Amino acid sequence: MNSQTSTRNLQLDFFRGVALLIIFINHVPGNELLLYTPSRFGLSDAAEIFVFLSGYAAALAYGKSFESRGLALGSASVLYRCVQIYAAHLGIFFLLAVICVLGNAAFGSPDYIDRLNIRFFFDHTEEALLGLIGLRYVPNYFDILPMYLVVMLGIPVVWALSRIGVWLALAFPVALYLGMWMFGLEFGAELHGDRPWFFNPFGWQLIFFTGFAFGRGWFRPPVPKPWLLALCGGFVLVSLPFGPEPALRPTEWLMRLHAELRPWLDKTQFGLLRGVHFLALAYVTTSLLKDRGHWLAGRTARPIVRMGGQSLPVFAVAMALSYIGGMVFDRLGHGFLGLSVVNIGGCAALMASAGLMTWLKSRPWRVPNDAGPSKVQATGIGSDAQPEEFRPIFLVARTGNPVLQPIPKAVPVRRTGHWRGRGCG
């Protein structure tokens, strides 16, 4: 791996880690630090960072599988990841449900089940379970992973179209996005209501596959140029009054214009101005960091880089810690102590969990093998094997599988007056 590729991967993991920290802070109920995160000062927020970089990472992770193993096995590796995402989604829901029950039992008030808006699950458990499994019951707090799962399923389609022509692969997400607006494509989030998923996958797939296109090299990032940097920076500044913060719209004219632009700013459907803002901000950021990426390999950035490298499990931990952080606020208040414990303690816990997961993934309990690594690798959610290496043990060639090797017969040794060890003389 050359230094340019290594720096690119470090940047990818670093900014995914930053997005996870922002997601954690923004999801803590009543967290005043939310007012100072980038999501309050722009059209896009951490969700765009996370989804775009997930698309970029997917291109790097699964591109080799499709190229070397073909469409069928490449699709199998994507499906395997989708199963992991689905399991994580269900696991996060049940974990948060348990946290709510424990919080109610420990403190009594407020009702944490009602605060999370999952009372329906406890009152109509059988019906809610069926809806949860079928992704027809998706409470607001649990909406990003279902979107991510559906979007991931489009990777084999885009890849297959790219074999015909890259332009066709790029046209597919655009056509799907336009179809969402024309035909009202969406998924329902409630069994007895018309509320849709908060993140519409038919809209958000556009930013995901934009990242995928950059990861595959179908799009090339523009080189830093002063005029383009000024243009993108100017757009970011001009868009400030149209973000979520009402205080940045002090005049009636700005409020009216914001209302007229709402479809272009809509988060559920992924309004196009959100995408333009994200790309402009990304260009400004990467231009300022050009030739300065060496610090990402240092000790300071390492905890955040590790978070990005373990994005799915760290995301699950962040969701749990966010809600626990709201409980801490209820006990300690929103003063300096409460804000410090929740935000500094929570971010430190996320970094520590990423370090622990990285250590566990290295499997330190393995006994070193002097003969070299075995060709048989464990597979499953806890495995660090690459997708293209997944195969059952019985499909591994006998010559490369020490488990299937015949036991050699004992060789009689002729006794002589002296003994000489092999390799000792």
Foldseek 3Di string as FASTA:
>chain_A
DDPVVVLVLLVLLLLLLVLLLLVLQVLFPPRPCVCVACQLFFLAGSLLSNLLSLLLVCLVQLVVLCVPVNLPLSLVLLVQVLVVLLVLLVVLVVLQVVVQVVLCVVPVPDRLCVVQPPVVCVVVVVVVVVCSNVQQAAGQLRQSSVLVSVLSNCVSVLVVLVVVPNVRSLVVLVVLLVCCVVVVDFGHNDPPDRHTRQAGSSQSSNSSVVSNCVSNVVDDDDADDPVLLVVLVVVSNVRRCLGPHVVSQPDPVSVVVSVVCCQLSRRNNPRVVNVSNVSSVVNNVCNVCVVVSPCSPPPVSVLSSLCSVVVSVLSSLSSNLSHVLNVLCVVPNNDPVSSCCSSVVSSVVSSVVSVVLVVVQVVPVDDDDPVDDQLDFDDDPSHPDRSSSDDDPVPDDLVRHPVNDDDDDDDDDDDDPDDDDPPPD
